Amino acid sequence: MTADDSGAASRDTDTEDEALRNIPVGDPPGAADESDENNIAVRLEQLILGADRRYTPFQAARGAGVSMDLAARFWRAMGFADIGQVKALTEADVLALRRLAGLVEAGLLSEAMAIQVARSTGQTTARLADWQIDSFLEGLTEPQDSGLTRTEITYPLVELLLPELEEFLVYVWRRQLAAATGRVVRAQDDVEMVDRRLAVGFADLVGFTRLTRRLEDEELGELVEAFETTCSDLVAAHGGRLIKTLGDEVLFAADDAGIAAEIGLRLIETMAHDETMPELRVGIAFGTVTTRMGDVFGTTVNLASRLTSIAPKDTVLVDQAFAEELGRIGDAPVSEAEAAAAEKAAEEGTGAPPPTYRFALQPMWQRPVRGLGVVEPWLLTRRD
């Protein structure tokens, strides 16, 4: 960028700030308030981004040493709208483009992978930012007894919270990255890193559509938040991973079938003791799963979803492969008849003490499932 460009950018910023600070006398009622809010919005952006707007997209791409086409693809992947050639970008924007392009030039990432990195990061942080503004900051900026408005409170509050939230975000990201790296290192081969055998489960609130017609928006929001919070805590506490939430449904995964079984039953038991929650149903399947950008895909995931849709209220249904895996690792008997015979022999003193099982499995009715053929679900319960 030339010195003339820099001077022009500075003048543009000064002009914008001056216009926001000076509201002409005689403007329509409310114009001053609107302008004050615009001024605070500009100040908040400068506070959060840490820099003034200086570059057009073309200037940013040129400064980063990348083509305008590639810069636009990176920006769209991160979730930012096209802005034409408005001076809206900062030094940080140029640096981000330069870093992504540098990873490609160094051969550490392909161009397609770099775009995936931009997209996954953008999608994740966009949701986080929306949650923080809609829930966290909104609750903290309720009009106070001092008489200050929410707009007047927001700036100093963000100023105080910004460095703390930034440090906390990096900390959590590093912990999650360490956990994910550990799972990859433990994978048996390169194929297993992408196509892995996992237990995948869905938990679904029963009658949620009816609730949406009966509850006020605020009540419905509180119910969904309580449901997602409970599920997130239980899944994490017992060693699973929450893949995503879908309002009235959550998707989770676990490397071990026993962990997934414990999570499924805990979800049912916990929700059953909460009178504010509707009934829950859970479906779990075990098999090969494709992982991509933190999500999971494949027939196993589809089967878990279908099992959830046919599960009776407050029950956990699993597929044949999951039942067999529980038997293989010793968490459930391969045959209930054989387990009962072993227990009887032990009681009569004619046999060795039988194994201790955590779960019981009962075969349910066979039924055709569209796209998956005939499925035989198993009812998962705790062992008495």
Protein backbone atom coordinates (compact mmCIF):
# COMPACT_ATOMS: atom_id res chain seq x y z
CA MET A 1 0.00 0.00 0.00
CA THR A 2 1.34 3.51 -0.87
CA ALA A 3 1.66 6.49 1.44
CA ASP A 4 -1.20 8.13 -0.47
CA ASP A 5 -3.37 5.09 0.20
CA SER A 6 -2.50 5.24 3.89
CA GLY A 7 -3.30 8.94 4.08
CA ALA A 8 -6.58 8.44 2.26
CA ALA A 9 -7.54 5.63 4.59
CA SER A 10 -6.73 7.80 7.60
CA ARG A 11 -8.78 10.69 6.22
CA ASP A 12 -11.70 8.33 5.50
CA THR A 13 -11.64 7.08 9.10
CA ASP A 14 -11.34 10.59 10.53
CA THR A 15 -14.22 11.78 8.37
CA GLU A 16 -16.42 8.87 9.42
CA ASP A 17 -15.67 9.38 13.10
CA GLU A 18 -16.23 13.12 12.84
CA ALA A 19 -19.57 12.60 11.12
CA LEU A 20 -20.65 10.22 13.85
CA ARG A 21 -19.64 12.61 16.62
CA ASN A 22 -21.32 15.69 15.21
CA ILE A 23 -25.08 15.40 14.73
CA PRO A 24 -26.45 18.52 13.01
CA VAL A 25 -29.01 20.50 14.96
CA GLY A 26 -32.52 20.07 13.61
CA ASP A 27 -32.22 16.38 12.73
CA PRO A 28 -35.44 14.38 13.10
CA PRO A 29 -36.29 13.10 16.59
CA GLY A 30 -34.17 10.08 17.44
CA ALA A 31 -31.38 10.91 14.99
CA ALA A 32 -28.93 11.76 17.77
CA ASP A 33 -29.65 8.49 19.59
CA GLU A 34 -29.19 6.52 16.38
CA SER A 35 -25.92 8.28 15.64
CA ASP A 36 -24.66 7.65 19.20
CA GLU A 37 -25.34 3.97 18.72
CA ASN A 38 -23.51 4.02 15.39
CA ASN A 39 -20.57 5.73 17.06
CA ILE A 40 -20.43 3.10 19.78
CA ALA A 41 -20.67 0.36 17.14
CA VAL A 42 -17.62 1.81 15.37
CA ARG A 43 -15.73 2.11 18.66
CA LEU A 44 -16.67 -1.47 19.61
CA GLU A 45 -15.41 -2.76 16.28
CA GLN A 46 -12.12 -0.92 16.71
CA LEU A 47 -11.81 -2.26 20.27
CA ILE A 48 -12.50 -5.87 19.29
CA LEU A 49 -10.47 -5.90 16.08
CA GLY A 50 -7.68 -3.82 17.60
CA ALA A 51 -7.26 -1.70 14.47
CA ASP A 52 -8.99 0.76 12.18
CA ARG A 53 -10.43 -0.07 8.78
CA ARG A 54 -7.70 0.65 6.24
CA TYR A 55 -7.91 -1.63 3.21
CA THR A 56 -10.28 -2.63 0.48
CA PRO A 57 -10.41 -6.38 -0.26
CA PHE A 58 -8.20 -5.79 -3.30
CA GLN A 59 -5.61 -3.92 -1.24
CA ALA A 60 -5.69 -6.61 1.46
CA ALA A 61 -5.18 -9.38 -1.11
CA ARG A 62 -2.30 -7.45 -2.70
CA GLY A 63 -0.72 -6.82 0.71
CA ALA A 64 -1.00 -10.53 1.57
CA GLY A 65 0.50 -11.54 -1.77
CA VAL A 66 -2.50 -13.61 -2.87
CA SER A 67 -4.88 -13.35 -5.79
CA MET A 68 -8.18 -11.58 -5.31
CA ASP A 69 -9.96 -14.82 -6.25
CA LEU A 70 -8.20 -16.83 -3.53
CA ALA A 71 -8.70 -14.06 -0.96
CA ALA A 72 -12.44 -14.00 -1.75
CA ARG A 73 -12.63 -17.80 -1.38
CA PHE A 74 -10.90 -17.62 2.01
CA TRP A 75 -13.22 -14.86 3.21
CA ARG A 76 -16.39 -16.62 2.08
CA ALA A 77 -15.17 -19.83 3.72
CA MET A 78 -14.74 -17.93 6.99
CA GLY A 79 -18.36 -16.80 6.69
CA PHE A 80 -17.89 -13.15 5.78
CA ALA A 81 -20.05 -11.45 3.16
CA ASP A 82 -18.76 -9.86 -0.03
CA ILE A 83 -18.27 -6.13 0.56
CA GLY A 84 -17.24 -4.92 -2.88
CA GLN A 85 -14.25 -2.61 -2.61
CA VAL A 86 -15.18 -0.79 0.59
CA LYS A 87 -12.34 0.03 2.96
CA ALA A 88 -13.40 -2.30 5.74
CA LEU A 89 -10.35 -4.52 6.38
CA THR A 90 -7.51 -4.19 8.86
CA GLU A 91 -3.88 -5.26 9.23
CA ALA A 92 -5.12 -8.42 10.99
CA ASP A 93 -7.15 -9.34 7.90
CA VAL A 94 -4.07 -9.01 5.72
CA LEU A 95 -2.02 -11.11 8.15
CA ALA A 96 -4.67 -13.86 8.25
CA LEU A 97 -4.69 -14.12 4.46
CA ARG A 98 -0.89 -14.13 4.41
CA ARG A 99 -0.75 -16.95 6.97
CA LEU A 100 -3.21 -19.15 5.13
CA ALA A 101 -1.45 -18.56 1.84
CA GLY A 102 1.90 -19.23 3.52
CA LEU A 103 0.73 -22.64 4.75
CA VAL A 104 -0.22 -23.51 1.17
CA GLU A 105 3.05 -22.20 -0.28
CA ALA A 106 5.06 -24.17 2.30
CA GLY A 107 3.26 -27.36 1.31
CA LEU A 108 1.81 -27.86 4.81
CA LEU A 109 -1.74 -27.55 3.50
CA SER A 110 -3.28 -27.91 0.08
CA GLU A 111 -5.39 -25.01 -1.12
CA ALA A 112 -8.54 -27.08 -0.62
CA MET A 113 -7.48 -27.99 2.93
CA ALA A 114 -6.70 -24.35 3.74
CA ILE A 115 -10.21 -23.41 2.67
CA GLN A 116 -11.61 -26.19 4.85
CA VAL A 117 -9.61 -24.84 7.79
CA ALA A 118 -11.07 -21.38 7.15
CA ARG A 119 -14.59 -22.77 6.86
CA SER A 120 -14.50 -24.98 9.97
CA THR A 121 -12.95 -22.19 12.05
CA GLY A 122 -15.43 -19.64 10.77
CA GLN A 123 -18.47 -21.82 11.41
CA THR A 124 -17.37 -22.74 14.92
CA THR A 125 -16.43 -19.25 16.03
CA ALA A 126 -19.50 -17.67 14.41
CA ARG A 127 -21.75 -19.82 16.56
CA LEU A 128 -19.66 -19.06 19.64
CA ALA A 129 -19.78 -15.32 18.99
CA ASP A 130 -23.55 -15.38 18.44
CA TRP A 131 -24.05 -17.27 21.68
CA GLN A 132 -21.86 -14.87 23.65
CA ILE A 133 -23.69 -11.82 22.36
CA ASP A 134 -27.23 -13.24 22.46
CA SER A 135 -26.95 -14.92 25.85
CA PHE A 136 -23.89 -13.93 27.82
CA LEU A 137 -23.52 -10.25 27.07
CA GLU A 138 -27.25 -9.64 26.83
CA GLY A 139 -27.73 -10.92 30.36
CA LEU A 140 -24.90 -8.81 31.72
CA THR A 141 -25.99 -5.61 30.01
CA GLU A 142 -29.52 -5.37 31.37
CA PRO A 143 -30.28 -1.75 32.31
CA GLN A 144 -28.78 -1.12 35.72
CA ASP A 145 -29.95 0.91 38.72
CA SER A 146 -27.45 3.59 37.73
CA GLY A 147 -29.75 4.57 34.88
CA LEU A 148 -27.20 3.76 32.21
CA THR A 149 -28.54 2.24 29.01
CA ARG A 150 -27.42 -1.10 27.61
CA THR A 151 -25.53 0.74 24.87
CA GLU A 152 -23.61 2.78 27.46
CA ILE A 153 -22.73 -0.32 29.48
CA THR A 154 -21.65 -2.50 26.55
CA TYR A 155 -18.38 -0.78 25.66
CA PRO A 156 -16.69 -0.86 29.10
CA LEU A 157 -18.01 -4.37 29.66
CA VAL A 158 -16.53 -5.67 26.40
CA GLU A 159 -13.32 -3.80 27.19
CA LEU A 160 -13.02 -5.73 30.46
CA LEU A 161 -14.12 -9.12 29.13
CA LEU A 162 -12.31 -9.20 25.79
CA PRO A 163 -8.79 -10.18 26.98
CA GLU A 164 -10.17 -12.75 29.44
CA LEU A 165 -12.46 -14.38 26.87
CA GLU A 166 -9.64 -14.41 24.32
CA GLU A 167 -7.27 -16.19 26.71
CA PHE A 168 -9.96 -18.67 27.72
CA LEU A 169 -10.81 -19.43 24.07
CA VAL A 170 -7.17 -20.22 23.29
CA TYR A 171 -6.90 -22.40 26.42
CA VAL A 172 -9.98 -24.48 25.56
CA TRP A 173 -8.87 -24.79 21.93
CA ARG A 174 -5.46 -26.10 22.98
CA ARG A 175 -7.03 -28.66 25.32
CA GLN A 176 -9.42 -29.83 22.59
CA LEU A 177 -6.57 -29.96 20.06
CA ALA A 178 -4.50 -32.06 22.45
CA ALA A 179 -7.40 -34.49 22.96
CA ALA A 180 -8.10 -34.76 19.24
CA THR A 181 -4.41 -35.29 18.47
CA GLY A 182 -4.28 -38.06 21.04
CA ARG A 183 -7.17 -39.85 19.38
CA VAL A 184 -5.45 -39.62 16.00
CA VAL A 185 -2.15 -40.93 17.39
CA ARG A 186 -3.95 -43.90 18.92
CA ALA A 187 -5.57 -44.73 15.56
CA GLN A 188 -4.15 -47.93 14.07
CA ASP A 189 -3.45 -46.57 10.60
CA ASP A 190 -3.99 -43.62 8.30
CA VAL A 191 -7.31 -45.00 7.03
CA GLU A 192 -8.68 -45.20 10.57
CA MET A 193 -7.97 -41.50 11.05
CA VAL A 194 -10.71 -40.67 8.55
CA ASP A 195 -12.87 -43.81 8.43
CA ARG A 196 -13.07 -44.98 12.03
CA ARG A 197 -15.17 -47.48 13.96
CA LEU A 198 -17.16 -45.50 16.49
CA ALA A 199 -20.31 -45.70 18.54
CA VAL A 200 -22.64 -42.94 17.40
CA GLY A 201 -25.78 -41.92 19.27
CA PHE A 202 -28.69 -39.52 18.92
CA ALA A 203 -30.81 -38.29 21.83
CA ASP A 204 -34.15 -36.77 20.86
CA LEU A 205 -36.82 -34.97 22.89
CA VAL A 206 -40.25 -36.56 22.38
CA GLY A 207 -43.11 -34.25 21.36
CA PHE A 208 -40.91 -31.22 20.81
CA THR A 209 -43.03 -29.95 17.91
CA ARG A 210 -46.09 -29.83 20.17
CA LEU A 211 -44.07 -27.95 22.77
CA THR A 212 -43.16 -25.26 20.26
CA ARG A 213 -46.86 -24.47 19.86
CA ARG A 214 -47.58 -24.47 23.59
CA LEU A 215 -44.60 -22.67 25.13
CA GLU A 216 -43.63 -19.04 24.87
CA ASP A 217 -40.43 -18.32 22.94
CA GLU A 218 -38.47 -17.56 26.11
CA GLU A 219 -39.65 -20.75 27.82
CA LEU A 220 -38.80 -22.80 24.75
CA GLY A 221 -35.35 -21.25 24.59
CA GLU A 222 -34.71 -22.05 28.25
CA LEU A 223 -35.83 -25.66 27.75
CA VAL A 224 -33.55 -26.15 24.74
CA GLU A 225 -30.63 -24.57 26.58
CA ALA A 226 -31.19 -26.79 29.63
CA PHE A 227 -31.41 -29.87 27.39
CA GLU A 228 -28.23 -29.03 25.48
CA THR A 229 -26.36 -28.18 28.70
CA THR A 230 -27.38 -31.43 30.40
CA CYS A 231 -26.43 -33.50 27.36
CA SER A 232 -23.11 -31.70 26.89
CA ASP A 233 -22.14 -32.21 30.53
CA LEU A 234 -23.11 -35.90 30.62
CA VAL A 235 -21.44 -36.75 27.32
CA ALA A 236 -18.20 -35.03 28.33
CA ALA A 237 -18.19 -36.40 31.89
CA HIS A 238 -18.39 -40.01 30.70
CA GLY A 239 -15.75 -39.78 27.98
CA GLY A 240 -17.81 -39.14 24.87
CA ARG A 241 -17.77 -36.26 22.40
CA LEU A 242 -20.69 -34.02 21.59
CA ILE A 243 -20.68 -33.70 17.81
CA LYS A 244 -23.50 -31.18 17.43
CA THR A 245 -26.84 -30.03 18.81
CA LEU A 246 -29.97 -29.61 16.72
CA GLY A 247 -32.38 -27.92 19.11
CA ASP A 248 -34.41 -30.92 20.27
CA GLU A 249 -31.72 -33.45 19.34
CA VAL A 250 -28.04 -34.03 20.08
CA LEU A 251 -25.50 -36.18 18.27
CA PHE A 252 -22.65 -37.74 20.25
CA ALA A 253 -19.89 -40.26 19.60
CA ALA A 254 -17.54 -42.47 21.61
CA ASP A 255 -14.61 -44.69 20.76
CA ASP A 256 -15.90 -47.39 23.11
CA ALA A 257 -19.34 -49.02 22.97
CA GLY A 258 -19.44 -49.28 26.77
CA ILE A 259 -18.95 -45.53 27.11
CA ALA A 260 -21.72 -44.84 24.58
CA ALA A 261 -24.07 -47.24 26.40
CA GLU A 262 -23.41 -45.51 29.72
CA ILE A 263 -24.03 -42.09 28.15
CA GLY A 264 -27.31 -43.20 26.55
CA LEU A 265 -28.70 -44.64 29.78
CA ARG A 266 -27.49 -41.70 31.87
CA LEU A 267 -29.28 -39.30 29.54
CA ILE A 268 -32.54 -41.22 29.93
CA GLU A 269 -32.18 -41.47 33.73
CA THR A 270 -31.26 -37.82 34.18
CA MET A 271 -34.06 -36.46 32.03
CA ALA A 272 -36.60 -38.78 33.70
CA HIS A 273 -35.85 -37.10 37.05
CA ASP A 274 -36.37 -33.60 35.63
CA GLU A 275 -40.07 -32.72 35.66
CA THR A 276 -39.53 -29.78 33.32
CA MET A 277 -38.22 -32.02 30.55
CA PRO A 278 -40.26 -34.10 28.10
CA GLU A 279 -39.50 -37.78 27.58
CA LEU A 280 -36.32 -38.73 25.77
CA ARG A 281 -35.40 -41.48 23.36
CA VAL A 282 -31.92 -42.58 22.33
CA GLY A 283 -30.59 -44.61 19.40
CA ILE A 284 -27.00 -45.86 19.14
CA ALA A 285 -25.18 -47.71 16.34
CA PHE A 286 -21.65 -49.01 16.03
CA GLY A 287 -19.56 -49.16 12.87
CA THR A 288 -17.40 -47.33 10.39
CA VAL A 289 -17.87 -43.57 10.44
CA THR A 290 -16.37 -40.88 8.23
CA THR A 291 -15.23 -37.82 10.18
CA ARG A 292 -14.95 -34.47 8.48
CA MET A 293 -14.63 -30.95 9.92
CA GLY A 294 -15.68 -32.19 13.35
CA ASP A 295 -18.83 -33.88 12.03
CA VAL A 296 -19.56 -37.56 11.36
CA PHE A 297 -21.18 -39.16 8.31
CA GLY A 298 -22.09 -42.55 6.94
CA THR A 299 -24.49 -45.45 7.22
CA THR A 300 -23.76 -45.89 10.93
CA VAL A 301 -24.88 -42.33 11.63
CA ASN A 302 -28.03 -42.79 9.54
CA LEU A 303 -28.84 -46.01 11.38
CA ALA A 304 -28.45 -44.35 14.78
CA SER A 305 -30.84 -41.63 13.65
CA ARG A 306 -33.44 -44.16 12.47
CA LEU A 307 -33.15 -46.15 15.71
CA THR A 308 -33.86 -42.95 17.62
CA SER A 309 -36.99 -42.27 15.59
CA ILE A 310 -38.46 -45.73 16.37
CA ALA A 311 -37.35 -45.97 19.99
CA PRO A 312 -40.16 -46.00 22.61
CA LYS A 313 -40.18 -43.17 25.13
CA ASP A 314 -37.39 -43.22 27.73
CA THR A 315 -35.55 -46.13 26.14
CA VAL A 316 -32.25 -46.77 24.38
CA LEU A 317 -32.26 -48.82 21.18
CA VAL A 318 -29.01 -50.11 19.67
CA ASP A 319 -28.17 -52.00 16.50
CA GLN A 320 -26.84 -55.55 16.08
CA ALA A 321 -23.24 -54.41 15.64
CA PHE A 322 -23.40 -52.39 18.87
CA ALA A 323 -24.85 -55.37 20.77
CA GLU A 324 -22.08 -57.61 19.45
CA GLU A 325 -19.43 -55.05 20.42
CA LEU A 326 -20.75 -54.86 23.98
CA GLY A 327 -20.51 -58.66 24.14
CA ARG A 328 -16.99 -58.65 22.72
CA ILE A 329 -15.66 -56.22 25.34
CA GLY A 330 -17.49 -58.00 28.16
CA ASP A 331 -19.96 -55.26 29.09
CA ALA A 332 -23.01 -57.39 28.20
CA PRO A 333 -23.54 -61.16 27.83
CA VAL A 334 -23.38 -62.53 24.33
CA SER A 335 -26.31 -64.79 25.28
CA GLU A 336 -28.72 -64.09 28.12
CA ALA A 337 -29.56 -67.81 28.30
CA GLU A 338 -25.91 -68.74 28.75
CA ALA A 339 -25.46 -65.97 31.33
CA ALA A 340 -28.47 -67.20 33.30
CA ALA A 341 -27.17 -70.79 33.18
CA ALA A 342 -23.75 -69.65 34.43
CA GLU A 343 -25.33 -67.73 37.30
CA LYS A 344 -27.44 -70.74 38.28
CA ALA A 345 -24.42 -73.05 38.21
CA ALA A 346 -22.48 -70.63 40.41
CA GLU A 347 -25.34 -70.47 42.93
CA GLU A 348 -25.49 -74.28 43.07
CA GLY A 349 -21.74 -74.51 43.51
CA THR A 350 -21.22 -76.41 40.27
CA GLY A 351 -19.61 -73.65 38.29
CA ALA A 352 -17.16 -70.72 38.49
CA PRO A 353 -18.39 -67.25 39.46
CA PRO A 354 -19.94 -65.71 36.34
CA PRO A 355 -18.61 -62.47 34.82
CA THR A 356 -20.07 -59.20 36.07
CA TYR A 357 -21.92 -57.42 33.27
CA ARG A 358 -22.90 -53.75 33.23
CA PHE A 359 -25.67 -53.92 30.65
CA ALA A 360 -28.44 -56.18 29.42
CA LEU A 361 -29.69 -56.53 25.85
CA GLN A 362 -33.10 -57.66 24.71
CA PRO A 363 -33.82 -58.30 21.00
CA MET A 364 -36.78 -56.32 19.68
CA TRP A 365 -38.98 -56.69 16.62
CA GLN A 366 -37.42 -56.74 13.19
CA ARG A 367 -38.57 -54.02 10.87
CA PRO A 368 -37.61 -52.63 7.46
CA VAL A 369 -35.96 -49.22 7.51
CA ARG A 370 -35.90 -47.19 4.33
CA GLY A 371 -32.48 -47.21 2.75
CA LEU A 372 -31.04 -49.56 5.39
CA GLY A 373 -32.93 -52.82 4.81
CA VAL A 374 -34.28 -54.93 7.67
CA VAL A 375 -33.03 -53.82 11.09
CA GLU A 376 -33.23 -55.75 14.36
CA PRO A 377 -32.98 -53.27 17.23
CA TRP A 378 -31.89 -54.30 20.71
CA LEU A 379 -33.25 -52.73 23.89
CA LEU A 380 -30.38 -51.61 26.11
CA THR A 381 -30.90 -51.58 29.88
CA ARG A 382 -28.79 -51.80 32.99
CA ARG A 383 -28.00 -55.21 34.40
CA ASP A 384 -29.88 -55.96 37.61
